[in-house]
C-alpha atoms as a PDB file:
ATOM      1  CA  MET A   1      12.091   2.991   6.322  1.00  0.00           C
ATOM      2  CA  ILE A   2       9.625   5.752   7.251  1.00  0.00           C
ATOM      3  CA  LYS A   3      10.263   8.628   9.642  1.00  0.00           C
ATOM      4  CA  MET A   4       7.564  11.239  10.191  1.00  0.00           C
ATOM      5  CA  GLU A   5       7.979  14.183  12.527  1.00  0.00           C
ATOM      6  CA  LYS A   6       5.158  16.610  13.391  1.00  0.00           C
ATOM      7  CA  ILE A   7       3.260  15.943  10.143  1.00  0.00           C
ATOM      8  CA  TRP A   8       0.275  18.201   9.516  1.00  0.00           C
ATOM      9  CA  ARG A   9      -2.016  18.153   6.501  1.00  0.00           C
ATOM     10  CA  ILE A  10      -4.393  21.075   6.225  1.00  0.00           C
ATOM     11  CA  PHE A  11      -6.928  21.361   3.413  1.00  0.00           C
ATOM     12  CA  GLU A  12      -8.519  24.689   2.566  1.00  0.00           C
ATOM     13  CA  ILE A  13     -12.123  24.314   1.423  1.00  0.00           C
ATOM     14  CA  GLY A  14     -13.268  27.799   0.547  1.00  0.00           C
ATOM     15  CA  LYS A  15     -12.637  29.834   3.690  1.00  0.00           C
ATOM     16  CA  VAL A  16     -12.642  26.754   5.901  1.00  0.00           C
ATOM     17  CA  LYS A  17      -9.447  25.005   6.966  1.00  0.00           C
ATOM     18  CA  VAL A  18      -9.709  21.284   7.660  1.00  0.00           C
ATOM     19  CA  GLU A  19      -6.929  19.729   9.723  1.00  0.00           C
ATOM     20  CA  ALA A  20      -6.816  16.152   8.385  1.00  0.00           C
ATOM     21  CA  LEU A  21      -3.543  15.322  10.173  1.00  0.00           C
ATOM     22  CA  ARG A  22      -2.434  17.086  13.324  1.00  0.00           C
ATOM     23  CA  GLY A  23       1.194  16.601  14.301  1.00  0.00           C
ATOM     24  CA  ILE A  24       1.800  12.937  13.442  1.00  0.00           C
ATOM     25  CA  ASP A  25       5.038  11.357  14.735  1.00  0.00           C
ATOM     26  CA  LEU A  26       5.586   7.887  13.287  1.00  0.00           C
ATOM     27  CA  ASN A  27       8.512   5.578  12.553  1.00  0.00           C
ATOM     28  CA  ILE A  28       8.184   2.356  10.533  1.00  0.00           C
ATOM     29  CA  LYS A  29      11.106  -0.028  10.358  1.00  0.00           C
ATOM     30  CA  GLU A  30      12.086  -2.065   7.341  1.00  0.00           C
ATOM     31  CA  GLY A  31      10.259  -5.394   7.381  1.00  0.00           C
ATOM     32  CA  GLU A  32       7.323  -4.256   9.544  1.00  0.00           C
ATOM     33  CA  PHE A  33       3.689  -5.166   8.854  1.00  0.00           C
ATOM     34  CA  MET A  34       1.578  -2.337  10.223  1.00  0.00           C
ATOM     35  CA  ALA A  35      -2.169  -1.741  10.186  1.00  0.00           C
ATOM     36  CA  ILE A  36      -3.766   1.696  10.393  1.00  0.00           C
ATOM     37  CA  MET A  37      -7.239   1.797  11.949  1.00  0.00           C
ATOM     38  CA  GLY A  38      -9.685   4.524  12.880  1.00  0.00           C
ATOM     39  CA  PRO A  39     -13.172   5.864  12.164  1.00  0.00           C
ATOM     40  CA  SER A  40     -14.087   7.542   8.881  1.00  0.00           C
ATOM     41  CA  GLY A  41     -12.547  11.000   8.719  1.00  0.00           C
ATOM     42  CA  SER A  42      -9.772  10.158  11.171  1.00  0.00           C
ATOM     43  CA  GLY A  43      -7.025  10.810   8.584  1.00  0.00           C
ATOM     44  CA  LYS A  44      -6.093   7.238   7.582  1.00  0.00           C
ATOM     45  CA  SER A  45      -6.130   7.726   3.803  1.00  0.00           C
ATOM     46  CA  THR A  46      -4.501  11.163   4.074  1.00  0.00           C
ATOM     47  CA  LEU A  47      -1.676   9.614   6.099  1.00  0.00           C
ATOM     48  CA  MET A  48      -1.194   6.822   3.562  1.00  0.00           C
ATOM     49  CA  HIS A  49      -1.240   9.277   0.646  1.00  0.00           C
ATOM     50  CA  ILE A  50       1.609  11.199   2.267  1.00  0.00           C
ATOM     51  CA  MET A  51       3.494   7.985   3.073  1.00  0.00           C
ATOM     52  CA  GLY A  52       3.155   6.920  -0.567  1.00  0.00           C
ATOM     53  CA  CYS A  53       4.168  10.338  -1.960  1.00  0.00           C
ATOM     54  CA  LEU A  54       0.740  10.873  -3.530  1.00  0.00           C
ATOM     55  CA  ASP A  55       0.502  14.013  -1.387  1.00  0.00           C
ATOM     56  CA  THR A  56       2.871  16.200   0.614  1.00  0.00           C
ATOM     57  CA  PRO A  57       2.477  17.492   4.188  1.00  0.00           C
ATOM     58  CA  SER A  58       1.483  21.057   4.957  1.00  0.00           C
ATOM     59  CA  LYS A  59       3.989  21.102   7.816  1.00  0.00           C
ATOM     60  CA  GLY A  60       6.509  18.709   9.275  1.00  0.00           C
ATOM     61  CA  SER A  61       9.259  16.428   8.013  1.00  0.00           C
ATOM     62  CA  TYR A  62       8.915  13.096   6.209  1.00  0.00           C
ATOM     63  CA  ALA A  63      11.801  10.842   5.173  1.00  0.00           C
ATOM     64  CA  LEU A  64      11.161   7.713   3.085  1.00  0.00           C
ATOM     65  CA  ASP A  65      14.128   5.382   2.866  1.00  0.00           C
ATOM     66  CA  GLY A  66      16.364   8.285   3.892  1.00  0.00           C
ATOM     67  CA  GLU A  67      15.018  10.835   1.369  1.00  0.00           C
ATOM     68  CA  LYS A  68      13.320  14.013   2.587  1.00  0.00           C
ATOM     69  CA  ILE A  69      10.052  13.973   0.660  1.00  0.00           C
ATOM     70  CA  GLU A  70       9.142  17.618   1.249  1.00  0.00           C
ATOM     71  CA  GLU A  71      12.297  18.649  -0.644  1.00  0.00           C
ATOM     72  CA  LEU A  72      11.381  16.798  -3.871  1.00  0.00           C
ATOM     73  CA  ASP A  73       9.575  18.176  -6.930  1.00  0.00           C
ATOM     74  CA  ASP A  74       6.653  16.446  -8.719  1.00  0.00           C
ATOM     75  CA  ASN A  75       8.890  14.501 -11.108  1.00  0.00           C
ATOM     76  CA  GLN A  76      11.072  13.247  -8.264  1.00  0.00           C
ATOM     77  CA  LEU A  77       7.983  12.245  -6.290  1.00  0.00           C
ATOM     78  CA  ALA A  78       6.671  10.308  -9.287  1.00  0.00           C
ATOM     79  CA  GLU A  79      10.001   8.505  -9.562  1.00  0.00           C
ATOM     80  CA  ILE A  80       9.901   7.613  -5.852  1.00  0.00           C
ATOM     81  CA  ARG A  81       6.354   6.247  -6.230  1.00  0.00           C
ATOM     82  CA  ASN A  82       7.299   4.106  -9.215  1.00  0.00           C
ATOM     83  CA  GLU A  83      10.493   2.699  -7.730  1.00  0.00           C
ATOM     84  CA  LYS A  84       9.930   2.465  -3.985  1.00  0.00           C
ATOM     85  CA  VAL A  85       6.193   2.132  -3.343  1.00  0.00           C
ATOM     86  CA  GLY A  86       3.664  -0.471  -4.444  1.00  0.00           C
ATOM     87  CA  PHE A  87      -0.024   0.447  -4.037  1.00  0.00           C
ATOM     88  CA  VAL A  88      -3.018  -1.839  -3.535  1.00  0.00           C
ATOM     89  CA  PHE A  89      -6.500  -0.296  -3.431  1.00  0.00           C
ATOM     90  CA  GLN A  90      -9.938  -1.466  -2.334  1.00  0.00           C
ATOM     91  CA  SER A  91     -11.334  -1.043  -5.859  1.00  0.00           C
ATOM     92  CA  PHE A  92      -8.407  -2.957  -7.471  1.00  0.00           C
ATOM     93  CA  ASN A  93      -7.829  -0.169 -10.082  1.00  0.00           C
ATOM     94  CA  LEU A  94      -7.166  -2.626 -12.900  1.00  0.00           C
ATOM     95  CA  LEU A  95      -7.450  -1.732 -16.592  1.00  0.00           C
ATOM     96  CA  SER A  96     -10.648  -3.432 -17.762  1.00  0.00           C
ATOM     97  CA  TYR A  97      -9.442  -3.914 -21.353  1.00  0.00           C
ATOM     98  CA  ALA A  98      -6.114  -5.502 -20.341  1.00  0.00           C
ATOM     99  CA  ASN A  99      -5.563  -9.056 -19.136  1.00  0.00           C
ATOM    100  CA  ALA A 100      -3.838  -9.961 -15.865  1.00  0.00           C
ATOM    101  CA  TYR A 101      -0.408 -10.184 -17.494  1.00  0.00           C
ATOM    102  CA  GLU A 102      -0.757  -6.751 -19.130  1.00  0.00           C
ATOM    103  CA  ASN A 103      -2.005  -5.121 -15.920  1.00  0.00           C
ATOM    104  CA  VAL A 104       0.985  -6.426 -13.981  1.00  0.00           C
ATOM    105  CA  GLU A 105       3.410  -5.488 -16.764  1.00  0.00           C
ATOM    106  CA  LEU A 106       2.378  -1.824 -16.875  1.00  0.00           C
ATOM    107  CA  PRO A 107       4.678  -0.436 -14.124  1.00  0.00           C
ATOM    108  CA  LEU A 108       7.657  -2.107 -15.808  1.00  0.00           C
ATOM    109  CA  ILE A 109       6.776  -0.439 -19.110  1.00  0.00           C
ATOM    110  CA  PHE A 110       6.652   2.946 -17.354  1.00  0.00           C
ATOM    111  CA  LYS A 111      10.043   2.167 -15.823  1.00  0.00           C
ATOM    112  CA  GLY A 112      11.571   1.378 -19.222  1.00  0.00           C
ATOM    113  CA  VAL A 113      12.370  -2.283 -18.554  1.00  0.00           C
ATOM    114  CA  ASN A 114      13.038  -4.263 -21.744  1.00  0.00           C
ATOM    115  CA  ALA A 115      10.550  -6.861 -23.003  1.00  0.00           C
ATOM    116  CA  SER A 116      12.432 -10.014 -22.016  1.00  0.00           C
ATOM    117  CA  GLN A 117      13.070  -8.788 -18.476  1.00  0.00           C
ATOM    118  CA  ARG A 118       9.434  -7.688 -18.198  1.00  0.00           C
ATOM    119  CA  HIS A 119       8.220 -11.121 -19.275  1.00  0.00           C
ATOM    120  CA  LYS A 120      10.394 -12.909 -16.721  1.00  0.00           C
ATOM    121  CA  LYS A 121       9.372 -10.607 -13.867  1.00  0.00           C
ATOM    122  CA  VAL A 122       5.634 -10.678 -14.631  1.00  0.00           C
ATOM    123  CA  LEU A 123       5.609 -14.480 -14.727  1.00  0.00           C
ATOM    124  CA  GLU A 124       7.506 -14.559 -11.439  1.00  0.00           C
ATOM    125  CA  VAL A 125       5.098 -12.336  -9.511  1.00  0.00           C
ATOM    126  CA  LEU A 126       1.971 -13.951 -11.000  1.00  0.00           C
ATOM    127  CA  GLU A 127       3.361 -17.278  -9.819  1.00  0.00           C
ATOM    128  CA  ARG A 128       3.912 -15.831  -6.343  1.00  0.00           C
ATOM    129  CA  VAL A 129       0.260 -14.766  -6.056  1.00  0.00           C
ATOM    130  CA  GLY A 130      -1.015 -18.039  -7.505  1.00  0.00           C
ATOM    131  CA  LEU A 131      -2.349 -16.687 -10.789  1.00  0.00           C
ATOM    132  CA  SER A 132       0.071 -17.948 -13.418  1.00  0.00           C
ATOM    133  CA  ASP A 133      -2.772 -19.991 -14.941  1.00  0.00           C
ATOM    134  CA  ARG A 134      -5.050 -16.924 -15.239  1.00  0.00           C
ATOM    135  CA  MET A 135      -2.640 -14.461 -16.825  1.00  0.00           C
ATOM    136  CA  ASN A 136      -4.622 -14.187 -20.063  1.00  0.00           C
ATOM    137  CA  HIS A 137      -7.922 -13.393 -18.332  1.00  0.00           C
ATOM    138  CA  LYS A 138      -9.328  -9.863 -18.140  1.00  0.00           C
ATOM    139  CA  PRO A 139     -10.645  -8.481 -14.824  1.00  0.00           C
ATOM    140  CA  SER A 140     -14.256  -9.245 -15.784  1.00  0.00           C
ATOM    141  CA  GLU A 141     -13.260 -12.903 -16.098  1.00  0.00           C
ATOM    142  CA  LEU A 142     -11.738 -13.052 -12.605  1.00  0.00           C
ATOM    143  CA  SER A 143     -13.291 -13.210  -9.152  1.00  0.00           C
ATOM    144  CA  GLY A 144     -12.856 -10.300  -6.750  1.00  0.00           C
ATOM    145  CA  GLY A 145     -10.151 -12.163  -4.860  1.00  0.00           C
ATOM    146  CA  GLN A 146      -8.317 -12.958  -8.089  1.00  0.00           C
ATOM    147  CA  GLN A 147      -8.525  -9.319  -9.209  1.00  0.00           C
ATOM    148  CA  GLN A 148      -6.990  -8.240  -5.916  1.00  0.00           C
ATOM    149  CA  ARG A 149      -4.205 -10.799  -6.402  1.00  0.00           C
ATOM    150  CA  VAL A 150      -3.483  -9.214  -9.785  1.00  0.00           C
ATOM    151  CA  ALA A 151      -3.368  -5.811  -8.072  1.00  0.00           C
ATOM    152  CA  ILE A 152      -0.946  -7.163  -5.470  1.00  0.00           C
ATOM    153  CA  ALA A 153       1.248  -8.671  -8.212  1.00  0.00           C
ATOM    154  CA  ARG A 154       1.272  -5.280  -9.965  1.00  0.00           C
ATOM    155  CA  ALA A 155       2.299  -3.605  -6.684  1.00  0.00           C
ATOM    156  CA  MET A 156       5.144  -6.109  -6.253  1.00  0.00           C
ATOM    157  CA  VAL A 157       6.506  -6.164  -9.793  1.00  0.00           C
ATOM    158  CA  ASN A 158       8.956  -3.276  -9.359  1.00  0.00           C
ATOM    159  CA  ASP A 159      10.337  -4.772  -6.124  1.00  0.00           C
ATOM    160  CA  PRO A 160       9.211  -1.764  -4.062  1.00  0.00           C
ATOM    161  CA  ARG A 161      10.706  -0.930  -0.690  1.00  0.00           C
ATOM    162  CA  ILE A 162       7.224  -0.783   0.816  1.00  0.00           C
ATOM    163  CA  ILE A 163       3.725  -2.015  -0.119  1.00  0.00           C
ATOM    164  CA  MET A 164       0.793   0.212   0.892  1.00  0.00           C
ATOM    165  CA  ALA A 165      -2.705  -1.245   0.892  1.00  0.00           C
ATOM    166  CA  ASP A 166      -5.863   0.833   1.404  1.00  0.00           C
ATOM    167  CA  GLU A 167      -8.713  -1.466   2.549  1.00  0.00           C
ATOM    168  CA  PRO A 168      -7.517  -4.309   0.268  1.00  0.00           C
ATOM    169  CA  THR A 169     -10.231  -6.672   1.515  1.00  0.00           C
ATOM    170  CA  GLY A 170     -13.044  -4.110   1.634  1.00  0.00           C
ATOM    171  CA  ASN A 171     -14.778  -5.319  -1.544  1.00  0.00           C
ATOM    172  CA  LEU A 172     -14.273  -9.037  -0.900  1.00  0.00           C
ATOM    173  CA  ASP A 173     -16.276 -11.740   0.829  1.00  0.00           C
ATOM    174  CA  SER A 174     -14.851 -13.087   4.078  1.00  0.00           C
ATOM    175  CA  GLN A 175     -13.170 -16.134   2.518  1.00  0.00           C
ATOM    176  CA  SER A 176     -11.499 -14.109  -0.240  1.00  0.00           C
ATOM    177  CA  GLY A 177     -10.501 -11.510   2.340  1.00  0.00           C
ATOM    178  CA  GLN A 178      -8.766 -14.141   4.444  1.00  0.00           C
ATOM    179  CA  GLU A 179      -6.947 -15.453   1.363  1.00  0.00           C
ATOM    180  CA  ILE A 180      -5.681 -11.941   0.599  1.00  0.00           C
ATOM    181  CA  ILE A 181      -4.501 -11.313   4.160  1.00  0.00           C
ATOM    182  CA  ASN A 182      -2.755 -14.712   4.072  1.00  0.00           C
ATOM    183  CA  LEU A 183      -0.965 -13.550   0.922  1.00  0.00           C
ATOM    184  CA  PHE A 184       0.108 -10.290   2.575  1.00  0.00           C
ATOM    185  CA  ASN A 185       1.286 -12.275   5.585  1.00  0.00           C
ATOM    186  CA  ASP A 186       3.398 -14.494   3.327  1.00  0.00           C
ATOM    187  CA  LEU A 187       4.895 -11.432   1.618  1.00  0.00           C
ATOM    188  CA  TRP A 188       5.740  -9.966   5.008  1.00  0.00           C
ATOM    189  CA  LYS A 189       7.459 -13.176   6.123  1.00  0.00           C
ATOM    190  CA  GLN A 190       9.529 -12.949   2.924  1.00  0.00           C
ATOM    191  CA  GLY A 191      10.853  -9.579   4.105  1.00  0.00           C
ATOM    192  CA  ASN A 192       8.452  -7.032   2.587  1.00  0.00           C
ATOM    193  CA  THR A 193       7.462  -3.899   4.493  1.00  0.00           C
ATOM    194  CA  ILE A 194       3.666  -3.515   4.452  1.00  0.00           C
ATOM    195  CA  VAL A 195       1.350  -0.750   5.651  1.00  0.00           C
ATOM    196  CA  MET A 196      -2.371  -1.501   5.479  1.00  0.00           C
ATOM    197  CA  ILE A 197      -5.503   0.521   6.211  1.00  0.00           C
ATOM    198  CA  THR A 198      -8.322  -1.680   7.469  1.00  0.00           C
ATOM    199  CA  HIS A 199     -11.621  -1.448   9.360  1.00  0.00           C
ATOM    200  CA  ASP A 200     -11.539  -5.181  10.105  1.00  0.00           C
ATOM    201  CA  GLU A 201     -10.255  -5.963  13.600  1.00  0.00           C
ATOM    202  CA  SER A 202      -9.635  -9.629  12.715  1.00  0.00           C
ATOM    203  CA  ILE A 203      -7.339  -8.543   9.856  1.00  0.00           C
ATOM    204  CA  ALA A 204      -5.546  -5.982  12.026  1.00  0.00           C
ATOM    205  CA  GLN A 205      -4.799  -8.728  14.538  1.00  0.00           C
ATOM    206  CA  ARG A 206      -2.866 -10.560  11.814  1.00  0.00           C
ATOM    207  CA  CYS A 207      -0.505  -7.590  11.464  1.00  0.00           C
ATOM    208  CA  GLU A 208       2.610  -7.136  13.571  1.00  0.00           C
ATOM    209  CA  ARG A 209       1.673  -3.639  14.715  1.00  0.00           C
ATOM    210  CA  VAL A 210      -1.543  -1.592  14.801  1.00  0.00           C
ATOM    211  CA  ILE A 211      -1.948   2.159  15.200  1.00  0.00           C
ATOM    212  CA  HIS A 212      -5.288   3.851  15.796  1.00  0.00           C
ATOM    213  CA  LEU A 213      -6.017   7.318  14.434  1.00  0.00           C
ATOM    214  CA  LYS A 214      -8.619   9.695  15.789  1.00  0.00           C
ATOM    215  CA  ASP A 215      -9.194  13.278  14.677  1.00  0.00           C
ATOM    216  CA  GLY A 216      -5.896  13.347  12.758  1.00  0.00           C
ATOM    217  CA  ARG A 217      -3.771  12.149  15.662  1.00  0.00           C
ATOM    218  CA  ILE A 218      -2.341   8.772  16.662  1.00  0.00           C
ATOM    219  CA  GLU A 219      -4.456   7.666  19.611  1.00  0.00           C
ATOM    220  CA  ASN A 220      -2.515   4.528  20.474  1.00  0.00           C
ATOM    221  CA  GLY A 221      -0.390   1.743  19.041  1.00  0.00           C
ATOM    222  CA  ILE A 222      -0.293  -1.995  19.714  1.00  0.00           C
ATOM    223  CA  TYR A 223       2.261  -4.695  18.886  1.00  0.00           C
ATOM    224  CA  ASN A 224       0.613  -8.051  18.166  1.00  0.00           C
ATOM    225  CA  GLY A 225       3.749 -10.157  17.907  1.00  0.00           C
ATOM    226  CA  THR A 226       6.487 -11.317  15.567  1.00  0.00           C
ATOM    227  CA  LYS A 227       6.579 -13.107  12.237  1.00  0.00           C
ATOM    228  CA  SER A 228       6.964 -16.455  13.912  1.00  0.00           C
ATOM    229  CA  GLY A 229       3.814 -15.798  15.903  1.00  0.00           C
ATOM    230  CA  ASN A 230       1.567 -14.960  12.934  1.00  0.00           C
END
């Protein structure tokens, strides 16, 4: 699914060069559930942004689902993001004026899916995250855990090849956080590929595989087990 070879990401801030990623080699197979851990400034978000085609590497080669990302232009990258990647963020990133149904529907509108197909798909994914009875509620009328479920449904609605989650439980209480990781675990068991940034060791232990970043490099990686063991 993901193949990274010698990935560097260098930011130039004035006359200073900051090496956010320093020669990352990483393969992720289809159907894996992987956590990325590391201290602040270790390169976690930069790595995920490149994985999700929100950014491109300064050096190195990255193939997502067989496509060389560094060879694509901005329009092609946008198409890849819309069709192959679903994003879930710590801050939910929901439209405050839109209800749950409308927030989930938005990627399908961008994709040009017709109204009847959109309606069927939105109902399906809201049912999968347990929010079919809250579809007409706006974010301000939902709990933090429910808002994150809406964000997960939105990430799933285009049937992406991979779901990328950046601290998805960071703004939630412990109970809501466990409910969200249970949902991700269920999605993984259904065959989804998931990459998650987390600071929470207990959440990382629920993932199949964990890699630790430090100073822009992969320090080590751990396999926790298989789907049947989670």
